[in-house]
Each structure stands twice: as C-alpha cells, then as structure tokens.
PDB file of N, CA and C in Angstrom:
ATOM      1  N   MET A   1     -58.217  54.991 -30.861  1.00  0.00           N
ATOM      2  CA  MET A   1     -57.967  54.082 -31.962  1.00  0.00           C
ATOM      3  C   MET A   1     -59.287  53.675 -32.631  1.00  0.00           C
ATOM      4  N   LEU A   2     -60.313  53.476 -31.822  1.00  0.00           N
ATOM      5  CA  LEU A   2     -61.603  53.085 -32.367  1.00  0.00           C
ATOM      6  C   LEU A   2     -62.177  54.187 -33.254  1.00  0.00           C
ATOM      7  N   HIS A   3     -61.972  55.453 -32.846  1.00  0.00           N
ATOM      8  CA  HIS A   3     -62.461  56.576 -33.652  1.00  0.00           C
ATOM      9  C   HIS A   3     -61.784  56.590 -35.019  1.00  0.00           C
ATOM     10  N   LEU A   4     -60.490  56.314 -35.064  1.00  0.00           N
ATOM     11  CA  LEU A   4     -59.761  56.279 -36.336  1.00  0.00           C
ATOM     12  C   LEU A   4     -60.297  55.171 -37.231  1.00  0.00           C
ATOM     13  N   LEU A   5     -60.540  53.999 -36.675  1.00  0.00           N
ATOM     14  CA  LEU A   5     -61.081  52.901 -37.469  1.00  0.00           C
ATOM     15  C   LEU A   5     -62.491  53.196 -37.949  1.00  0.00           C
ATOM     16  N   THR A   6     -63.292  53.836 -37.110  1.00  0.00           N
ATOM     17  CA  THR A   6     -64.647  54.217 -37.509  1.00  0.00           C
ATOM     18  C   THR A   6     -64.604  55.244 -38.636  1.00  0.00           C
ATOM     19  N   THR A   7     -63.687  56.199 -38.538  1.00  0.00           N
ATOM     20  CA  THR A   7     -63.551  57.218 -39.572  1.00  0.00           C
ATOM     21  C   THR A   7     -63.119  56.597 -40.889  1.00  0.00           C
ATOM     22  N   LEU A   8     -62.141  55.693 -40.853  1.00  0.00           N
ATOM     23  CA  LEU A   8     -61.698  55.040 -42.080  1.00  0.00           C
ATOM     24  C   LEU A   8     -62.801  54.169 -42.664  1.00  0.00           C
ATOM     25  N   GLY A   9     -63.558  53.490 -41.811  1.00  0.00           N
ATOM     26  CA  GLY A   9     -64.664  52.671 -42.299  1.00  0.00           C
ATOM     27  C   GLY A   9     -65.728  53.514 -42.969  1.00  0.00           C
ATOM     28  N   ALA A  10     -66.016  54.678 -42.382  1.00  0.00           N
ATOM     29  CA  ALA A  10     -66.997  55.576 -42.989  1.00  0.00           C
ATOM     30  C   ALA A  10     -66.474  56.160 -44.288  1.00  0.00           C
ATOM     31  N   ALA A  11     -65.180  56.390 -44.368  1.00  0.00           N
ATOM     32  CA  ALA A  11     -64.598  56.950 -45.583  1.00  0.00           C
ATOM     33  C   ALA A  11     -64.652  55.953 -46.731  1.00  0.00           C
ATOM     34  N   PHE A  12     -64.426  54.674 -46.423  1.00  0.00           N
ATOM     35  CA  PHE A  12     -64.433  53.670 -47.484  1.00  0.00           C
ATOM     36  C   PHE A  12     -65.826  53.138 -47.778  1.00  0.00           C
ATOM     37  N   GLY A  13     -66.770  53.301 -46.860  1.00  0.00           N
ATOM     38  CA  GLY A  13     -68.102  52.763 -47.052  1.00  0.00           C
ATOM     39  C   GLY A  13     -68.865  53.493 -48.145  1.00  0.00           C
ATOM     40  N   GLY A  14     -69.118  52.831 -49.247  1.00  0.00           N
ATOM     41  CA  GLY A  14     -69.868  53.422 -50.332  1.00  0.00           C
ATOM     42  C   GLY A  14     -69.099  54.460 -51.132  1.00  0.00           C
ATOM     43  N   ALA A  15     -67.828  54.572 -50.901  1.00  0.00           N
ATOM     44  CA  ALA A  15     -67.024  55.574 -51.591  1.00  0.00           C
ATOM     45  C   ALA A  15     -66.483  55.013 -52.901  1.00  0.00           C
ATOM     46  N   SER A  16     -65.907  55.879 -53.668  1.00  0.00           N
ATOM     47  CA  SER A  16     -65.369  55.486 -54.964  1.00  0.00           C
ATOM     48  C   SER A  16     -63.933  54.982 -54.824  1.00  0.00           C
ATOM     49  N   GLN A  17     -63.416  54.464 -55.911  1.00  0.00           N
ATOM     50  CA  GLN A  17     -62.025  54.010 -55.920  1.00  0.00           C
ATOM     51  C   GLN A  17     -61.069  55.181 -55.767  1.00  0.00           C
ATOM     52  N   GLU A  18     -61.453  56.333 -56.273  1.00  0.00           N
ATOM     53  CA  GLU A  18     -60.599  57.505 -56.146  1.00  0.00           C
ATOM     54  C   GLU A  18     -60.417  57.899 -54.687  1.00  0.00           C
ATOM     55  N   THR A  19     -61.498  57.823 -53.915  1.00  0.00           N
ATOM     56  CA  THR A  19     -61.407  58.145 -52.495  1.00  0.00           C
ATOM     57  C   THR A  19     -60.491  57.159 -51.787  1.00  0.00           C
ATOM     58  N   ALA A  20     -60.593  55.899 -52.132  1.00  0.00           N
ATOM     59  CA  ALA A  20     -59.726  54.884 -51.530  1.00  0.00           C
ATOM     60  C   ALA A  20     -58.266  55.152 -51.860  1.00  0.00           C
ATOM     61  N   ILE A  21     -57.983  55.587 -53.079  1.00  0.00           N
ATOM     62  CA  ILE A  21     -56.606  55.893 -53.465  1.00  0.00           C
ATOM     63  C   ILE A  21     -56.068  57.062 -52.647  1.00  0.00           C
ATOM     64  N   PHE A  22     -56.885  58.091 -52.454  1.00  0.00           N
ATOM     65  CA  PHE A  22     -56.459  59.227 -51.630  1.00  0.00           C
ATOM     66  C   PHE A  22     -56.168  58.788 -50.205  1.00  0.00           C
ATOM     67  N   MET A  23     -57.028  57.931 -49.645  1.00  0.00           N
ATOM     68  CA  MET A  23     -56.843  57.472 -48.265  1.00  0.00           C
ATOM     69  C   MET A  23     -55.573  56.630 -48.132  1.00  0.00           C
ATOM     70  N   ILE A  24     -55.336  55.747 -49.077  1.00  0.00           N
ATOM     71  CA  ILE A  24     -54.139  54.902 -49.032  1.00  0.00           C
ATOM     72  C   ILE A  24     -52.884  55.752 -49.192  1.00  0.00           C
ATOM     73  N   ALA A  25     -52.919  56.749 -50.083  1.00  0.00           N
ATOM     74  CA  ALA A  25     -51.769  57.636 -50.258  1.00  0.00           C
ATOM     75  C   ALA A  25     -51.487  58.421 -48.982  1.00  0.00           C
ATOM     76  N   ALA A  26     -52.534  58.836 -48.277  1.00  0.00           N
ATOM     77  CA  ALA A  26     -52.349  59.553 -47.013  1.00  0.00           C
ATOM     78  C   ALA A  26     -51.696  58.651 -45.975  1.00  0.00           C
ATOM     79  N   ILE A  27     -52.135  57.416 -45.895  1.00  0.00           N
ATOM     80  CA  ILE A  27     -51.549  56.479 -44.931  1.00  0.00           C
ATOM     81  C   ILE A  27     -50.090  56.198 -45.256  1.00  0.00           C
ATOM     82  N   VAL A  28     -49.768  56.094 -46.538  1.00  0.00           N
ATOM     83  CA  VAL A  28     -48.371  55.897 -46.948  1.00  0.00           C
ATOM     84  C   VAL A  28     -47.528  57.100 -46.545  1.00  0.00           C
ATOM     85  N   CYS A  29     -48.033  58.306 -46.733  1.00  0.00           N
ATOM     86  CA  CYS A  29     -47.297  59.511 -46.318  1.00  0.00           C
ATOM     87  C   CYS A  29     -47.035  59.504 -44.827  1.00  0.00           C
ATOM     88  N   TRP A  30     -48.045  59.153 -44.040  1.00  0.00           N
ATOM     89  CA  TRP A  30     -47.866  59.123 -42.588  1.00  0.00           C
ATOM     90  C   TRP A  30     -46.878  58.039 -42.174  1.00  0.00           C
ATOM     91  N   ALA A  31     -46.904  56.898 -42.831  1.00  0.00           N
ATOM     92  CA  ALA A  31     -45.961  55.825 -42.502  1.00  0.00           C
ATOM     93  C   ALA A  31     -44.532  56.243 -42.847  1.00  0.00           C
ATOM     94  N   LEU A  32     -44.362  56.892 -43.996  1.00  0.00           N
ATOM     95  CA  LEU A  32     -43.027  57.358 -44.361  1.00  0.00           C
ATOM     96  C   LEU A  32     -42.527  58.412 -43.382  1.00  0.00           C
ATOM     97  N   ALA A  33     -43.398  59.295 -42.944  1.00  0.00           N
ATOM     98  CA  ALA A  33     -43.002  60.328 -41.982  1.00  0.00           C
ATOM     99  C   ALA A  33     -42.611  59.707 -40.643  1.00  0.00           C
ATOM    100  N   ALA A  34     -43.286  58.638 -40.266  1.00  0.00           N
ATOM    101  CA  ALA A  34     -43.034  58.028 -38.963  1.00  0.00           C
ATOM    102  C   ALA A  34     -41.827  57.099 -38.954  1.00  0.00           C
ATOM    103  N   PHE A  35     -41.639  56.341 -40.032  1.00  0.00           N
ATOM    104  CA  PHE A  35     -40.665  55.255 -39.971  1.00  0.00           C
ATOM    105  C   PHE A  35     -39.473  55.389 -40.916  1.00  0.00           C
ATOM    106  N   ALA A  36     -39.554  56.190 -41.928  1.00  0.00           N
ATOM    107  CA  ALA A  36     -38.471  56.266 -42.910  1.00  0.00           C
ATOM    108  C   ALA A  36     -37.822  57.645 -42.851  1.00  0.00           C
ATOM    109  N   SER A  37     -36.878  57.815 -41.956  1.00  0.00           N
ATOM    110  CA  SER A  37     -36.259  59.125 -41.783  1.00  0.00           C
ATOM    111  C   SER A  37     -35.436  59.531 -42.999  1.00  0.00           C
ATOM    112  N   ALA A  38     -34.884  58.561 -43.750  1.00  0.00           N
ATOM    113  CA  ALA A  38     -34.107  58.894 -44.945  1.00  0.00           C
ATOM    114  C   ALA A  38     -35.006  59.508 -46.018  1.00  0.00           C
ATOM    115  N   VAL A  39     -36.195  58.956 -46.192  1.00  0.00           N
ATOM    116  CA  VAL A  39     -37.143  59.498 -47.178  1.00  0.00           C
ATOM    117  C   VAL A  39     -37.672  60.844 -46.706  1.00  0.00           C
ATOM    118  N   ALA A  40     -37.986  60.949 -45.431  1.00  0.00           N
ATOM    119  CA  ALA A  40     -38.531  62.198 -44.892  1.00  0.00           C
ATOM    120  C   ALA A  40     -37.503  63.321 -44.980  1.00  0.00           C
ATOM    121  N   GLY A  41     -36.227  62.978 -44.879  1.00  0.00           N
ATOM    122  CA  GLY A  41     -35.175  63.986 -44.974  1.00  0.00           C
ATOM    123  C   GLY A  41     -35.053  64.575 -46.363  1.00  0.00           C
ATOM    124  N   ARG A  42     -35.377  63.792 -47.388  1.00  0.00           N
ATOM    125  CA  ARG A  42     -35.296  64.281 -48.762  1.00  0.00           C
ATOM    126  C   ARG A  42     -36.531  65.045 -49.196  1.00  0.00           C
ATOM    127  N   PHE A  43     -37.629  64.879 -48.479  1.00  0.00           N
ATOM    128  CA  PHE A  43     -38.872  65.548 -48.827  1.00  0.00           C
ATOM    129  C   PHE A  43     -38.829  66.987 -48.315  1.00  0.00           C
ATOM    130  N   PRO A  44     -39.262  67.974 -49.127  1.00  0.00           N
ATOM    131  CA  PRO A  44     -39.267  69.356 -48.638  1.00  0.00           C
ATOM    132  C   PRO A  44     -40.139  69.498 -47.386  1.00  0.00           C
ATOM    133  N   GLY A  45     -39.539  69.996 -46.332  1.00  0.00           N
ATOM    134  CA  GLY A  45     -40.258  70.132 -45.072  1.00  0.00           C
ATOM    135  C   GLY A  45     -40.034  68.951 -44.152  1.00  0.00           C
ATOM    136  N   GLY A  46     -39.368  67.918 -44.630  1.00  0.00           N
ATOM    137  CA  GLY A  46     -39.070  66.757 -43.801  1.00  0.00           C
ATOM    138  C   GLY A  46     -40.309  65.972 -43.417  1.00  0.00           C
ATOM    139  N   ALA A  47     -40.276  65.410 -42.218  1.00  0.00           N
ATOM    140  CA  ALA A  47     -41.388  64.591 -41.741  1.00  0.00           C
ATOM    141  C   ALA A  47     -42.647  65.429 -41.561  1.00  0.00           C
ATOM    142  N   LEU A  48     -42.496  66.674 -41.156  1.00  0.00           N
ATOM    143  CA  LEU A  48     -43.658  67.543 -40.975  1.00  0.00           C
ATOM    144  C   LEU A  48     -44.344  67.814 -42.319  1.00  0.00           C
ATOM    145  N   GLY A  49     -43.555  67.947 -43.378  1.00  0.00           N
ATOM    146  CA  GLY A  49     -44.127  68.131 -44.711  1.00  0.00           C
ATOM    147  C   GLY A  49     -44.902  66.908 -45.171  1.00  0.00           C
ATOM    148  N   LEU A  50     -44.397  65.718 -44.845  1.00  0.00           N
ATOM    149  CA  LEU A  50     -45.119  64.488 -45.201  1.00  0.00           C
ATOM    150  C   LEU A  50     -46.416  64.359 -44.411  1.00  0.00           C
ATOM    151  N   ILE A  51     -46.394  64.766 -43.161  1.00  0.00           N
ATOM    152  CA  ILE A  51     -47.621  64.724 -42.366  1.00  0.00           C
ATOM    153  C   ILE A  51     -48.653  65.691 -42.939  1.00  0.00           C
ATOM    154  N   ALA A  52     -48.193  66.887 -43.323  1.00  0.00           N
ATOM    155  CA  ALA A  52     -49.107  67.861 -43.918  1.00  0.00           C
ATOM    156  C   ALA A  52     -49.675  67.352 -45.243  1.00  0.00           C
ATOM    157  N   LEU A  53     -48.843  66.731 -46.063  1.00  0.00           N
ATOM    158  CA  LEU A  53     -49.317  66.162 -47.321  1.00  0.00           C
ATOM    159  C   LEU A  53     -50.328  65.052 -47.063  1.00  0.00           C
ATOM    160  N   GLY A  54     -50.078  64.223 -46.052  1.00  0.00           N
ATOM    161  CA  GLY A  54     -51.024  63.169 -45.695  1.00  0.00           C
ATOM    162  C   GLY A  54     -52.365  63.734 -45.251  1.00  0.00           C
ATOM    163  N   LEU A  55     -52.343  64.811 -44.484  1.00  0.00           N
ATOM    164  CA  LEU A  55     -53.597  65.444 -44.065  1.00  0.00           C
ATOM    165  C   LEU A  55     -54.349  66.016 -45.258  1.00  0.00           C
ATOM    166  N   LEU A  56     -53.614  66.620 -46.188  1.00  0.00           N
ATOM    167  CA  LEU A  56     -54.250  67.143 -47.392  1.00  0.00           C
ATOM    168  C   LEU A  56     -54.906  66.026 -48.187  1.00  0.00           C
ATOM    169  N   LEU A  57     -54.202  64.932 -48.373  1.00  0.00           N
ATOM    170  CA  LEU A  57     -54.757  63.806 -49.122  1.00  0.00           C
ATOM    171  C   LEU A  57     -55.936  63.170 -48.398  1.00  0.00           C
ATOM    172  N   PHE A  58     -55.886  63.132 -47.073  1.00  0.00           N
ATOM    173  CA  PHE A  58     -56.948  62.498 -46.302  1.00  0.00           C
ATOM    174  C   PHE A  58     -58.243  63.294 -46.369  1.00  0.00           C
ATOM    175  N   PHE A  59     -58.155  64.628 -46.272  1.00  0.00           N
ATOM    176  CA  PHE A  59     -59.349  65.452 -46.209  1.00  0.00           C
ATOM    177  C   PHE A  59     -59.831  65.964 -47.561  1.00  0.00           C
ATOM    178  N   PHE A  60     -59.020  65.884 -48.611  1.00  0.00           N
ATOM    179  CA  PHE A  60     -59.407  66.432 -49.904  1.00  0.00           C
ATOM    180  C   PHE A  60     -60.706  65.847 -50.453  1.00  0.00           C
ATOM    181  N   PRO A  61     -60.909  64.512 -50.465  1.00  0.00           N
ATOM    182  CA  PRO A  61     -62.173  63.988 -51.012  1.00  0.00           C
ATOM    183  C   PRO A  61     -63.409  64.491 -50.259  1.00  0.00           C
ATOM    184  N   GLN A  62     -63.317  64.597 -48.943  1.00  0.00           N
ATOM    185  CA  GLN A  62     -64.454  65.072 -48.156  1.00  0.00           C
ATOM    186  C   GLN A  62     -64.750  66.538 -48.454  1.00  0.00           C
ATOM    187  N   VAL A  63     -63.712  67.345 -48.548  1.00  0.00           N
ATOM    188  CA  VAL A  63     -63.900  68.767 -48.832  1.00  0.00           C
ATOM    189  C   VAL A  63     -64.450  68.950 -50.245  1.00  0.00           C
ATOM    190  N   TYR A  64     -63.928  68.189 -51.191  1.00  0.00           N
ATOM    191  CA  TYR A  64     -64.391  68.291 -52.577  1.00  0.00           C
ATOM    192  C   TYR A  64     -65.869  67.905 -52.688  1.00  0.00           C
ATOM    193  N   ASN A  65     -66.253  66.787 -52.079  1.00  0.00           N
ATOM    194  CA  ASN A  65     -67.648  66.354 -52.124  1.00  0.00           C
ATOM    195  C   ASN A  65     -68.572  67.354 -51.454  1.00  0.00           C
ATOM    196  N   THR A  66     -68.130  67.962 -50.362  1.00  0.00           N
ATOM    197  CA  THR A  66     -68.934  68.974 -49.686  1.00  0.00           C
ATOM    198  C   THR A  66     -69.096  70.215 -50.551  1.00  0.00           C
ATOM    199  N   ALA A  67     -68.018  70.625 -51.208  1.00  0.00           N
ATOM    200  CA  ALA A  67     -68.092  71.808 -52.080  1.00  0.00           C
ATOM    201  C   ALA A  67     -68.998  71.558 -53.283  1.00  0.00           C
ATOM    202  N   VAL A  68     -68.924  70.364 -53.848  1.00  0.00           N
ATOM    203  CA  VAL A  68     -69.795  70.043 -54.988  1.00  0.00           C
ATOM    204  C   VAL A  68     -71.251  70.031 -54.561  1.00  0.00           C
ATOM    205  N   ALA A  69     -71.530  69.482 -53.388  1.00  0.00           N
ATOM    206  CA  ALA A  69     -72.908  69.431 -52.905  1.00  0.00           C
ATOM    207  C   ALA A  69     -73.430  70.828 -52.546  1.00  0.00           C
ATOM    208  N   ALA A  70     -72.550  71.697 -52.084  1.00  0.00           N
ATOM    209  CA  ALA A  70     -72.981  73.024 -51.671  1.00  0.00           C
ATOM    210  C   ALA A  70     -73.251  73.950 -52.853  1.00  0.00           C
ATOM    211  N   PHE A  71     -72.479  73.780 -53.934  1.00  0.00           N
ATOM    212  CA  PHE A  71     -72.626  74.696 -55.064  1.00  0.00           C
ATOM    213  C   PHE A  71     -73.127  73.954 -56.263  1.00  0.00           C
TER     214      PHE A  71
END
C-alpha cells in the first residue's frame, strides 16, 4: 500500500493538470471495475476491460513524457 501511495505522490508531484486528470480517470476506471458490476457489464470486455483501460490511462503520461524526452 505504501508503494502505491509513493507512486501516486511521485506522479502528482510537479506534474501538470493533464497528468492529474489521467490519474483520476484511471482510479475511476478501477473503482468501477471493482464495485459497479452493472457498469462493468455494459463496458466492452467487462471488468477486465475497465482494468485495462485504467492501466492505459495510468501509464500513458509517463510513457508519453519518456518518448518526448528520448526523441
């Protein structure tokens, strides 16, 4: 649990508002996958699809910033 809080703190520390929006959207996806089975049932792929979407939203800002810095 401490690692997750440290990761979120590092993600929000000095980051832009866009990064915060991506992180919040990822957390919402994970919460819907965990607690709202009616919503997860309507989403393509169900709860697993919401988890995958949350992972995409969570890691996209980091991958984008790394790609911009590399090229």
